[in-house]
Protein backbone atom coordinates (compact mmCIF):
# COMPACT_ATOMS: atom_id res chain seq x y z
CA MET A 1 -14.76 -1.96 -21.46
CA LYS A 2 -14.87 1.68 -22.31
CA ILE A 3 -13.77 4.06 -19.54
CA ASN A 4 -14.09 7.74 -18.78
CA LYS A 5 -10.50 9.14 -18.44
CA LYS A 6 -11.42 12.30 -16.58
CA TYR A 7 -9.53 11.27 -13.47
CA ARG A 8 -6.88 8.95 -15.00
CA GLN A 9 -3.42 9.75 -13.72
CA THR A 10 -0.47 10.24 -16.11
CA TYR A 11 2.66 9.12 -14.16
CA HIS A 12 1.02 6.50 -11.93
CA ALA A 13 -0.11 3.02 -12.78
CA ASN A 14 -3.94 2.83 -13.18
CA VAL A 15 -6.03 -0.29 -13.71
CA PRO A 16 -6.81 -0.56 -17.51
CA SER A 17 -10.50 -0.80 -16.68
CA ALA A 18 -12.83 -2.31 -14.16
CA TRP A 19 -11.39 -3.13 -10.66
CA SER A 20 -7.97 -3.58 -9.11
CA ASN A 21 -6.57 -3.76 -5.53
CA ASP A 22 -3.45 -5.18 -3.97
CA PRO A 23 -0.11 -5.16 -5.84
CA ASN A 24 1.11 -8.63 -6.02
CA GLY A 25 4.28 -10.53 -7.03
CA MET A 26 6.52 -7.53 -7.37
CA ILE A 27 9.84 -8.66 -8.85
CA PHE A 28 12.67 -7.39 -10.99
CA TYR A 29 12.90 -10.08 -13.67
CA LYS A 30 14.93 -10.24 -16.84
CA GLY A 31 15.78 -6.52 -16.46
CA LYS A 32 12.25 -5.26 -16.05
CA ALA A 33 10.03 -4.38 -13.08
CA HIS A 34 6.94 -6.64 -12.97
CA MET A 35 3.92 -5.66 -10.89
CA PHE A 36 1.02 -8.00 -10.80
CA PHE A 37 -2.17 -6.91 -9.10
CA GLN A 38 -5.55 -8.12 -7.87
CA HIS A 39 -7.98 -7.59 -10.78
CA TYR A 40 -11.64 -8.14 -11.51
CA PRO A 41 -11.85 -7.45 -15.29
CA HIS A 42 -15.63 -7.50 -15.77
CA ALA A 43 -16.86 -4.57 -13.60
CA ALA A 44 -15.75 -1.65 -11.53
CA LYS A 45 -16.27 -3.52 -8.27
CA TRP A 46 -14.61 -6.29 -6.29
CA GLY A 47 -15.25 -9.72 -7.80
CA ILE A 48 -13.60 -13.07 -8.38
CA MET A 49 -9.98 -12.30 -8.45
CA HIS A 50 -7.54 -12.50 -11.39
CA TRP A 51 -3.91 -11.46 -11.59
CA GLY A 52 -3.44 -8.41 -13.73
CA HIS A 53 0.05 -7.63 -14.91
CA PHE A 54 2.08 -4.45 -15.51
CA VAL A 55 5.68 -4.26 -16.65
CA SER A 56 8.05 -1.27 -16.72
CA ASP A 57 11.51 -0.35 -17.70
CA ASP A 58 11.77 2.63 -15.36
CA PHE A 59 8.83 2.45 -12.77
CA ILE A 60 7.01 5.37 -14.41
CA LYS A 61 5.74 4.03 -17.70
CA TRP A 62 3.75 0.93 -17.12
CA LYS A 63 2.68 -1.38 -19.96
CA THR A 64 -0.32 -3.67 -19.48
CA LEU A 65 0.36 -7.29 -20.24
CA PRO A 66 -2.25 -10.12 -20.59
CA ILE A 67 -3.86 -11.35 -17.40
CA ALA A 68 -1.37 -13.73 -15.74
CA LEU A 69 -3.78 -15.92 -13.62
CA TYR A 70 -7.39 -16.78 -14.30
CA PRO A 71 -9.53 -18.49 -11.59
CA ASP A 72 -10.09 -21.53 -13.78
CA GLN A 73 -9.53 -24.35 -11.18
CA GLU A 74 -12.00 -25.92 -8.79
CA TYR A 75 -9.96 -24.90 -5.78
CA GLU A 76 -10.19 -21.13 -6.63
CA LYS A 77 -13.48 -20.78 -8.42
CA GLU A 78 -15.52 -19.13 -5.70
CA CYS A 79 -13.28 -16.17 -4.84
CA GLY A 80 -10.33 -16.41 -7.28
CA CYS A 81 -6.59 -16.13 -7.44
CA CYS A 82 -5.87 -13.77 -4.51
CA SER A 83 -2.78 -12.07 -3.32
CA GLY A 84 0.71 -13.57 -3.27
CA THR A 85 4.37 -13.20 -4.30
CA ALA A 86 6.78 -13.92 -7.10
CA ILE A 87 10.28 -15.43 -6.87
CA GLU A 88 12.86 -16.46 -9.53
CA ALA A 89 14.62 -19.79 -9.33
CA ASP A 90 16.90 -21.06 -12.11
CA GLY A 91 15.56 -18.54 -14.54
CA ILE A 92 11.95 -19.61 -13.93
CA LEU A 93 9.47 -17.08 -12.53
CA TYR A 94 7.31 -18.77 -9.86
CA ILE A 95 4.16 -17.31 -8.38
CA ILE A 96 2.67 -18.46 -5.04
CA TYR A 97 -0.75 -17.13 -4.40
CA THR A 98 -3.85 -17.66 -2.33
CA ALA A 99 -6.58 -19.78 -3.82
CA ALA A 100 -9.65 -18.46 -2.09
CA GLN A 101 -12.90 -20.24 -1.49
CA ILE A 102 -15.68 -18.60 0.59
CA ASN A 103 -14.80 -20.72 3.66
CA HIS A 104 -11.32 -21.95 2.89
CA GLN A 105 -7.99 -20.51 1.78
CA SER A 106 -4.91 -22.36 0.55
CA GLN A 107 -1.73 -21.56 -1.30
CA CYS A 108 -0.99 -22.49 -4.91
CA LEU A 109 1.96 -22.39 -7.34
CA ALA A 110 2.25 -21.25 -10.89
CA TYR A 111 5.34 -20.89 -13.09
CA SER A 112 6.54 -19.18 -16.25
CA GLU A 113 9.72 -19.23 -18.40
CA ASP A 114 8.91 -15.82 -20.00
CA GLY A 115 7.36 -13.97 -17.12
CA ILE A 116 4.09 -13.60 -19.14
CA HIS A 117 2.40 -16.90 -19.71
CA PHE A 118 1.88 -19.10 -16.58
CA THR A 119 1.19 -22.70 -15.88
CA LYS A 120 -0.47 -23.88 -12.65
CA TYR A 121 1.18 -26.65 -10.78
CA GLU A 122 -0.72 -29.93 -11.35
CA MET A 123 -0.44 -30.81 -7.59
CA ASN A 124 -2.00 -27.59 -6.24
CA PRO A 125 -2.78 -26.58 -3.59
CA ILE A 126 0.76 -26.70 -2.08
CA MET A 127 -0.14 -25.31 1.36
CA ILE A 128 -3.29 -26.39 3.14
CA ALA A 129 -3.88 -25.12 6.69
CA GLU A 130 -5.21 -28.49 8.09
CA ASP A 131 -2.08 -30.31 6.83
CA LEU A 132 0.26 -27.84 8.43
CA SER A 133 -0.95 -27.04 11.94
CA ASP A 134 -4.14 -27.02 13.92
CA GLU A 135 -3.17 -23.37 14.97
CA ILE A 136 -3.92 -21.95 11.52
CA SER A 137 -7.43 -20.88 10.67
CA PRO A 138 -8.57 -22.52 7.38
CA ARG A 139 -10.73 -19.57 6.75
CA ASP A 140 -7.92 -17.05 7.15
CA PHE A 141 -4.67 -18.27 5.59
CA ARG A 142 -3.51 -15.90 2.87
CA ASP A 143 -1.06 -13.53 1.14
CA PRO A 144 2.06 -15.62 1.05
CA LYS A 145 5.40 -13.66 0.98
CA ILE A 146 8.24 -15.93 -0.24
CA PHE A 147 11.91 -15.25 0.26
CA LYS A 148 15.17 -17.36 0.23
CA LYS A 149 17.90 -17.71 2.73
CA ASP A 150 20.78 -20.14 2.96
CA ASN A 151 19.26 -22.38 0.21
CA MET A 152 15.96 -22.62 1.97
CA TYR A 153 12.67 -20.99 0.92
CA TYR A 154 10.49 -19.36 3.60
CA CYS A 155 6.94 -18.18 3.50
CA ILE A 156 5.35 -15.53 5.72
CA ALA A 157 1.54 -15.59 5.56
CA GLY A 158 -1.36 -13.94 7.40
CA THR A 159 -3.82 -15.93 9.46
CA ARG A 160 -5.73 -16.05 12.69
CA LEU A 161 -4.22 -18.36 15.31
CA LEU A 162 -7.01 -20.66 16.67
CA ASP A 163 -7.46 -21.00 20.40
CA GLU A 164 -8.42 -24.17 22.02
CA GLU A 165 -12.15 -23.53 21.61
CA ASP A 166 -11.68 -22.74 18.01
CA LYS A 167 -9.59 -25.91 17.40
CA LEU A 168 -12.53 -27.99 18.58
CA LYS A 169 -15.05 -26.01 16.68
CA PHE A 170 -13.06 -25.99 13.45
CA LYS A 171 -11.47 -29.43 13.79
CA SER A 172 -12.08 -30.11 10.14
CA PHE A 173 -12.98 -28.13 7.09
CA LYS A 174 -16.40 -30.01 7.04
CA ASP A 175 -17.30 -28.27 10.41
CA LEU A 176 -17.19 -24.75 8.81
CA PRO A 177 -20.28 -22.97 7.83
CA HIS A 178 -21.65 -23.81 4.36
CA SER A 179 -20.73 -21.28 1.70
CA SER A 180 -24.34 -20.48 1.11
CA ASP A 181 -24.53 -19.03 4.61
CA ILE A 182 -21.67 -16.54 4.07
CA ASN A 183 -21.63 -13.26 2.18
CA ILE A 184 -18.96 -13.35 -0.52
CA ASN A 185 -18.34 -9.62 0.07
CA ASN A 186 -17.05 -10.46 3.50
CA VAL A 187 -14.13 -12.55 2.20
CA ALA A 188 -11.74 -9.89 0.97
CA GLY A 189 -10.71 -7.13 3.35
CA SER A 190 -12.97 -8.39 6.23
CA ASN A 191 -13.05 -10.30 9.42
CA ALA A 192 -13.31 -14.11 9.61
CA TYR A 193 -15.61 -16.11 11.95
CA VAL A 194 -12.98 -17.27 14.39
CA HIS A 195 -12.01 -16.02 17.88
CA GLY A 196 -8.24 -16.13 17.62
CA TYR A 197 -6.10 -12.95 17.15
CA GLY A 198 -4.62 -12.07 13.87
CA ASN A 199 -0.99 -13.05 13.47
CA LEU A 200 1.68 -14.00 10.88
CA ILE A 201 3.15 -17.42 10.48
CA LEU A 202 6.48 -18.78 8.98
CA LEU A 203 6.79 -21.87 6.92
CA LYS A 204 9.72 -23.40 5.10
CA SER A 205 10.43 -25.50 1.87
CA ASP A 206 13.51 -26.63 -0.03
CA ASP A 207 11.70 -26.87 -3.35
CA LEU A 208 8.75 -24.37 -3.32
CA LYS A 209 6.29 -27.28 -3.51
CA HIS A 210 6.39 -29.12 -0.11
CA TRP A 211 6.09 -26.91 2.96
CA SER A 212 6.33 -27.34 6.72
CA TYR A 213 5.13 -25.08 9.50
CA ILE A 214 7.65 -23.32 11.80
CA GLY A 215 5.55 -21.16 14.02
CA PRO A 216 3.92 -17.67 14.59
CA LEU A 217 5.95 -14.53 14.19
CA LEU A 218 4.31 -12.25 16.66
CA ARG A 219 4.38 -12.93 20.43
CA LEU A 220 3.57 -10.42 23.11
CA GLN A 221 6.27 -7.96 23.98
CA LYS A 222 5.37 -5.55 26.74
CA GLU A 223 7.46 -2.73 25.41
CA ILE A 224 5.42 -2.81 22.05
CA ARG A 225 1.78 -1.62 21.80
CA GLU A 226 -0.49 -4.45 22.83
CA ALA A 227 -2.85 -3.88 19.91
CA PHE A 228 -0.10 -5.10 17.60
CA PHE A 229 -0.30 -8.55 19.21
CA LYS A 230 -4.05 -8.69 19.81
CA LEU A 231 -5.44 -7.83 16.37
CA ASN A 232 -9.17 -8.17 15.66
CA GLY A 233 -8.44 -9.07 12.00
CA VAL A 234 -5.71 -10.42 9.73
CA PHE A 235 -2.26 -9.01 8.98
CA GLU A 236 -2.77 -8.93 5.21
CA CYS A 237 -0.14 -8.66 2.49
CA PRO A 238 3.01 -9.20 4.59
CA ASP A 239 6.36 -8.40 3.16
CA TYR A 240 9.92 -8.95 4.56
CA PHE A 241 13.27 -7.59 3.53
CA GLU A 242 16.63 -6.42 4.83
CA ILE A 243 17.78 -2.86 4.24
CA ASP A 244 20.74 -0.89 5.55
CA GLY A 245 21.49 -3.67 8.07
CA GLN A 246 17.93 -3.83 9.41
CA GLU A 247 15.27 -6.46 8.96
CA ILE A 248 11.86 -4.96 8.12
CA LEU A 249 8.43 -6.57 8.34
CA LEU A 250 5.50 -4.91 6.44
CA ALA A 251 1.89 -5.78 6.93
CA SER A 252 -1.59 -4.35 6.42
CA PRO A 253 -3.48 -5.11 9.68
CA GLN A 254 -7.35 -5.07 9.51
CA ASN A 255 -9.15 -2.99 12.02
CA TYR A 256 -5.98 -1.77 13.68
CA PRO A 257 -6.96 0.70 16.37
CA SER A 258 -6.05 4.38 15.98
CA ALA A 259 -3.35 5.95 18.13
CA GLY A 260 -3.37 9.75 18.18
CA HIS A 261 -2.81 10.90 14.59
CA SER A 262 -1.80 7.52 13.32
CA PHE A 263 -3.71 4.51 12.04
CA ASN A 264 -6.93 6.50 11.43
CA ASN A 265 -8.04 4.56 8.32
CA LEU A 266 -10.39 1.55 8.49
CA HIS A 267 -7.42 -0.70 7.80
CA SER A 268 -3.73 0.38 8.16
CA CYS A 269 -0.30 -0.21 6.94
CA ILE A 270 2.53 -0.83 9.46
CA TYR A 271 6.18 -1.56 9.49
CA ALA A 272 8.09 -3.37 12.19
CA ALA A 273 11.90 -3.18 12.59
CA GLY A 274 13.26 -6.30 14.32
CA HIS A 275 14.76 -9.71 13.88
CA LEU A 276 13.29 -12.87 12.44
CA ASN A 277 14.38 -16.24 14.06
CA LEU A 278 14.18 -18.69 11.18
CA GLN A 279 14.22 -21.69 13.61
CA THR A 280 11.29 -20.62 15.72
CA GLY A 281 9.46 -18.17 13.48
CA ASN A 282 9.46 -15.44 16.15
CA PHE A 283 9.99 -11.90 14.91
CA VAL A 284 11.37 -9.87 17.80
CA VAL A 285 9.97 -6.33 17.34
CA HIS A 286 12.20 -3.41 18.08
CA LYS A 287 9.76 -0.71 17.02
CA THR A 288 6.58 -0.15 14.76
CA ASP A 289 5.17 2.79 12.96
CA GLU A 290 2.64 3.65 10.37
CA ILE A 291 3.98 3.57 6.77
CA ASP A 292 1.77 6.39 5.37
CA HIS A 293 -0.35 8.87 7.30
CA GLY A 294 -2.74 9.80 4.52
CA PHE A 295 -6.11 8.53 3.28
CA ASP A 296 -5.50 6.11 0.43
CA PHE A 297 -2.65 3.59 0.98
CA TYR A 298 -2.91 -0.16 1.41
CA ALA A 299 -1.18 -3.46 0.83
CA PRO A 300 2.37 -2.07 0.21
CA GLN A 301 4.82 -4.56 -1.47
CA THR A 302 8.37 -4.20 -2.43
CA LEU A 303 10.96 -5.54 -4.98
CA LYS A 304 14.76 -5.33 -5.08
CA THR A 305 16.31 -3.79 -8.20
CA ASP A 306 19.44 -5.11 -9.90
CA ASP A 307 21.33 -2.08 -8.40
CA GLY A 308 20.16 -3.06 -4.88
CA ARG A 309 17.41 -0.54 -4.20
CA ILE A 310 14.25 -1.63 -2.31
CA ILE A 311 11.25 -0.12 -4.20
CA LEU A 312 7.85 0.07 -2.54
CA ILE A 313 4.32 0.36 -4.29
CA ALA A 314 0.94 0.34 -2.51
CA TRP A 315 -2.64 0.32 -3.65
CA LYS A 316 -3.66 3.94 -3.69
CA GLU A 317 -7.20 3.33 -2.45
CA MET A 318 -8.82 2.15 0.84
CA TRP A 319 -11.40 -0.57 1.48
CA ASP A 320 -15.05 0.26 2.15
CA ARG A 321 -15.01 3.75 0.71
CA THR A 322 -17.02 5.38 -2.02
CA TYR A 323 -15.11 5.43 -5.28
CA PRO A 324 -15.95 8.39 -7.53
CA THR A 325 -14.52 6.62 -10.62
CA GLU A 326 -16.94 3.69 -10.31
CA THR A 327 -19.22 5.34 -12.82
CA ASP A 328 -16.16 5.89 -15.08
CA GLN A 329 -15.84 2.05 -15.20
CA TRP A 330 -12.56 1.84 -13.40
CA ILE A 331 -11.36 1.71 -9.74
CA GLY A 332 -7.76 1.28 -8.72
CA SER A 333 -4.39 3.10 -8.94
CA TYR A 334 -1.03 2.77 -7.33
CA THR A 335 1.43 4.99 -5.52
CA LEU A 336 4.43 6.52 -7.15
CA PRO A 337 7.12 3.95 -6.54
CA ARG A 338 9.19 4.79 -3.49
CA GLU A 339 12.79 4.04 -2.64
CA LEU A 340 13.20 2.89 0.93
CA TYR A 341 16.03 3.65 3.40
CA TYR A 342 16.59 2.86 7.11
CA LYS A 343 18.48 5.38 9.22
CA ASN A 344 18.17 6.96 12.66
CA ASN A 345 15.96 4.05 13.73
CA HIS A 346 13.32 5.02 11.13
CA LEU A 347 12.11 3.82 7.70
CA TYR A 348 12.44 6.66 5.21
CA GLN A 349 10.67 6.88 1.78
CA SER A 350 11.69 8.99 -1.27
CA PRO A 351 10.21 9.18 -4.73
CA VAL A 352 11.80 6.79 -7.16
CA ARG A 353 14.69 8.53 -8.88
CA GLU A 354 13.59 7.80 -12.38
CA ILE A 355 10.86 10.32 -11.99
CA MET A 356 13.52 12.98 -12.54
CA ASN A 357 13.77 11.99 -16.19
CA TYR A 358 10.28 13.25 -16.76
CA ARG A 359 10.75 16.78 -15.34
CA LYS A 360 10.07 19.74 -17.63
CA ASN A 361 9.72 23.49 -17.43
CA LYS A 362 11.46 24.21 -14.11
CA LYS A 363 10.23 27.32 -12.20
CA GLU A 364 11.65 28.50 -9.01
CA VAL A 365 11.06 31.36 -6.39
CA LYS A 366 13.22 32.03 -3.34
CA ASP A 367 13.30 34.06 -0.14
CA ILE A 368 9.69 35.00 0.20
CA THR A 369 8.64 36.33 3.57
CA LEU A 370 4.93 36.36 4.32
CA THR A 371 2.96 37.75 7.25
CA ASN A 372 -0.80 37.03 7.69
CA GLY A 373 -1.50 36.53 3.96
CA SER A 374 -1.22 34.45 0.80
CA ILE A 375 0.68 34.64 -2.45
CA SER A 376 0.62 32.90 -5.78
CA PHE A 377 3.41 32.86 -8.32
CA LYS A 378 3.49 33.19 -12.10
CA ASP A 379 3.73 29.83 -13.96
CA ILE A 380 3.64 27.83 -10.71
CA GLU A 381 0.41 26.00 -11.13
CA GLY A 382 -0.98 22.69 -12.55
CA ASN A 383 -2.19 19.17 -11.73
CA LYS A 384 0.59 17.07 -13.26
CA ILE A 385 3.50 18.53 -11.36
CA GLU A 386 6.20 18.08 -8.68
CA LEU A 387 6.75 20.70 -6.02
CA ILE A 388 9.76 20.84 -3.68
CA ALA A 389 9.32 23.50 -0.85
CA ASP A 390 11.66 24.52 1.91
CA ILE A 391 9.80 26.58 4.56
CA GLY A 392 11.10 28.43 7.64
CA LEU A 393 8.13 28.19 9.89
CA GLY A 394 8.81 31.37 11.75
CA SER A 395 5.99 32.53 14.05
CA SER A 396 3.07 31.67 11.91
CA MET A 397 0.43 29.46 13.56
CA ARG A 398 -0.59 27.95 10.19
CA THR A 399 1.44 27.88 7.12
CA GLY A 400 1.46 25.86 3.92
CA PHE A 401 -0.25 25.44 0.54
CA LYS A 402 -3.54 25.58 -1.06
CA LEU A 403 -3.28 23.14 -3.94
CA MET A 404 -5.48 22.07 -6.90
CA HIS A 405 -7.73 25.15 -6.22
CA SER A 406 -10.20 27.10 -8.17
CA LYS A 407 -13.15 29.30 -7.12
CA GLU A 408 -15.06 26.16 -6.07
CA HIS A 409 -12.37 23.72 -4.77
CA ALA A 410 -9.19 23.53 -2.76
CA VAL A 411 -6.91 21.05 -1.05
CA TYR A 412 -5.02 22.40 1.94
CA ILE A 413 -1.59 21.00 3.20
CA TYR A 414 -0.27 23.03 6.06
CA TYR A 415 1.60 23.00 9.33
CA ASP A 416 -0.57 23.69 12.45
CA ARG A 417 1.67 24.99 15.20
CA SER A 418 -1.04 24.46 17.92
CA GLU A 419 -0.99 20.70 17.34
CA LYS A 420 2.50 20.39 15.87
CA VAL A 421 1.08 18.45 12.89
CA LEU A 422 0.97 18.63 9.13
CA VAL A 423 -2.63 18.66 8.03
CA PHE A 424 -3.89 17.13 4.76
CA ASP A 425 -7.53 18.61 4.25
CA ARG A 426 -9.52 17.42 1.27
CA SER A 427 -12.89 18.46 2.67
CA ASN A 428 -13.53 21.03 -0.05
CA SER A 429 -11.75 19.23 -2.91
CA GLY A 430 -14.62 18.10 -4.93
CA TYR A 431 -16.48 14.76 -4.56
CA GLU A 432 -16.86 13.90 -0.85
CA ILE A 433 -15.45 10.48 0.00
CA PHE A 434 -17.50 8.42 2.44
CA GLY A 435 -16.28 5.35 4.41
CA ARG A 436 -16.69 3.45 7.65
CA GLU A 437 -14.34 5.78 9.46
CA ASP A 438 -15.63 8.75 11.46
CA GLU A 439 -13.38 11.10 9.39
CA THR A 440 -12.40 10.65 5.76
CA ALA A 441 -11.53 14.23 4.80
CA ILE A 442 -8.74 15.19 7.18
CA ARG A 443 -5.49 13.43 8.11
CA LYS A 444 -2.77 14.66 10.39
CA CYS A 445 0.92 13.73 10.78
CA ASP A 446 3.05 14.69 13.80
CA ILE A 447 5.95 17.08 13.04
CA TYR A 448 8.73 17.26 15.53
CA ASP A 449 10.64 20.28 14.14
CA SER A 450 8.83 23.53 14.77
CA HIS A 451 11.42 25.62 12.80
CA TYR A 452 11.77 24.03 9.38
CA LEU A 453 9.61 21.99 7.05
CA ASN A 454 10.52 20.35 3.79
CA LEU A 455 7.61 19.19 1.52
CA HIS A 456 8.11 17.17 -1.63
CA ILE A 457 4.71 16.96 -3.31
CA PHE A 458 3.45 15.06 -6.43
CA ILE A 459 0.14 16.05 -7.93
CA ASP A 460 -1.19 13.85 -10.78
CA VAL A 461 -4.75 14.80 -11.93
CA SER A 462 -6.60 13.10 -9.03
CA SER A 463 -3.80 12.20 -6.65
CA ILE A 464 -1.50 13.98 -4.13
CA GLU A 465 1.48 12.35 -2.43
CA VAL A 466 3.47 14.29 0.17
CA PHE A 467 6.98 13.36 1.27
CA ILE A 468 7.64 15.14 4.50
CA ASN A 469 11.06 16.30 5.82
CA ASN A 470 13.19 14.27 3.41
CA GLY A 471 10.89 11.24 3.60
CA ILE A 472 10.69 10.59 7.29
CA ASP A 473 6.81 10.52 6.75
CA THR A 474 4.43 10.43 3.80
CA MET A 475 0.77 11.33 3.21
CA THR A 476 -1.22 10.06 0.25
CA GLY A 477 -4.72 10.94 -0.92
CA ASN A 478 -6.95 10.85 -3.97
CA ILE A 479 -8.85 14.02 -5.03
CA TYR A 480 -11.84 14.22 -7.32
CA GLY A 481 -12.49 17.83 -8.30
CA ASP A 482 -12.53 19.46 -11.72
CA PRO A 483 -9.19 18.62 -13.37
CA LYS A 484 -9.62 21.30 -16.05
CA LYS A 485 -10.14 24.08 -13.43
CA ASP A 486 -8.48 22.96 -10.22
CA ILE A 487 -4.89 23.88 -11.00
CA GLY A 488 -4.11 26.76 -8.66
CA ILE A 489 -1.26 26.83 -6.11
CA THR A 490 -1.12 29.42 -3.28
CA PHE A 491 1.32 29.71 -0.35
CA PHE A 492 -0.16 31.13 2.92
CA ALA A 493 0.62 32.09 6.41
CA ASP A 494 -1.87 32.73 9.16
CA ASN A 495 -1.32 34.54 12.57
CA GLY A 496 2.31 35.27 12.18
CA THR A 497 5.28 35.34 9.81
CA THR A 498 6.81 32.54 7.72
CA THR A 499 9.60 32.28 5.12
CA LEU A 500 9.40 30.34 1.90
CA ASP A 501 13.08 29.78 1.41
CA SER A 502 12.66 27.97 -1.82
CA LEU A 503 9.79 26.67 -4.08
CA ILE A 504 10.60 24.63 -7.15
CA LYS A 505 7.95 23.40 -9.65
CA TYR A 506 8.48 20.84 -12.40
CA ASP A 507 5.87 19.71 -14.87
CA ILE A 508 5.92 15.95 -15.06
CA VAL A 509 5.42 14.93 -18.65
CA VAL A 510 4.89 11.24 -19.65
CA GLU A 511 4.21 10.82 -23.37
């Protein structure tokens, strides 16, 4: 399929053509990072899912490999091979994924000796809701995350727990509405026709093929926001790992209600720090927070490298939005990989360190004091760059950057003292993005230090990612202006004085 490369990013993974969404099966296998992804290879729109496949030596240069999974079996023919996970056992790479029919979801197994060519297990599906528990909705049972502890395999999956009324109504698969009565576009990224709340469940196996149900993860805790336990949707794409002595659960809850400046997208991404009881399945939550406060970030997944780092990548889009690259015959890109840390009771993110190998043409300015004005700097411009800024906020009411600007367009990222927030404003950046949210042009992130601000910004043709105050928060958004003209960078201060202690720019050059 021929594509228009106008908005193609240079140091992020982009779908080769057509459509992609969730990253899947991220794993470090035989010395390489593998990232599979949800893929419809025939058009730039969501369709029957395949598993696309990227591989990389350094998380920056991604090579496209042949499609790993095709929806060629009866149990997956309606909606495809949907999201899942990868795990290595005895040198074999196993994939466990959701086989999705319009009104039924189950989990299946595939395996490979080379990490490229996969064979589906002849006894698929290996997890069927009706065989596991009458609590699990057959319509919503998806996105398995597999991990191993103490010689036992465990699976965390998203579902809706059926209440007693639902159990009677959906007592068997035959009682569900016929597929012809259901819109296929309501299967991925949407609500299911059950009344139970969204939850996550834990299962176990000693051989990856035979599974038993342990129980639900999330149970009401009065010290944690009630909306977390009473979700009108499904916790999609769960992940689980331990880092710096803390257990972390990631998920992408559908229709999660907003809270101040957080969770303002249609669907959100959340992490919970806590403890998972492997005997009961209960995950005791200590705290929750949004993973990224920007516009375009969903379904984050992680892998562990050979040197022990936890690396996160997310789909750098959002459901039910307009996609300006649709007419260019491609939709779907992925965040810059991020290294995770847990400290001071918070999950921190930093750009993967390998990006430093692609820095060129360093430019730096220091000790710039600005009062009620703006300033640009020689040779500090571009749209394939990295910026590192240390700002003394002083007395200015608004201070920050105008990025990717020309006479016609600009993106604003600035501190607003009146609200104590960092603002990401793409309202005049080019193509207007529409969605089901009330606001798709401005996002805000709470800032708790009114004296100092550190911004680490990555711009890549049609993408901006902001790491705030050494990675305590991040904001991610796609921008569709004029890549040839929109390269300006200006620092500004309104209604007061601010100090730009340091600004460093690197070109990021990937050949």
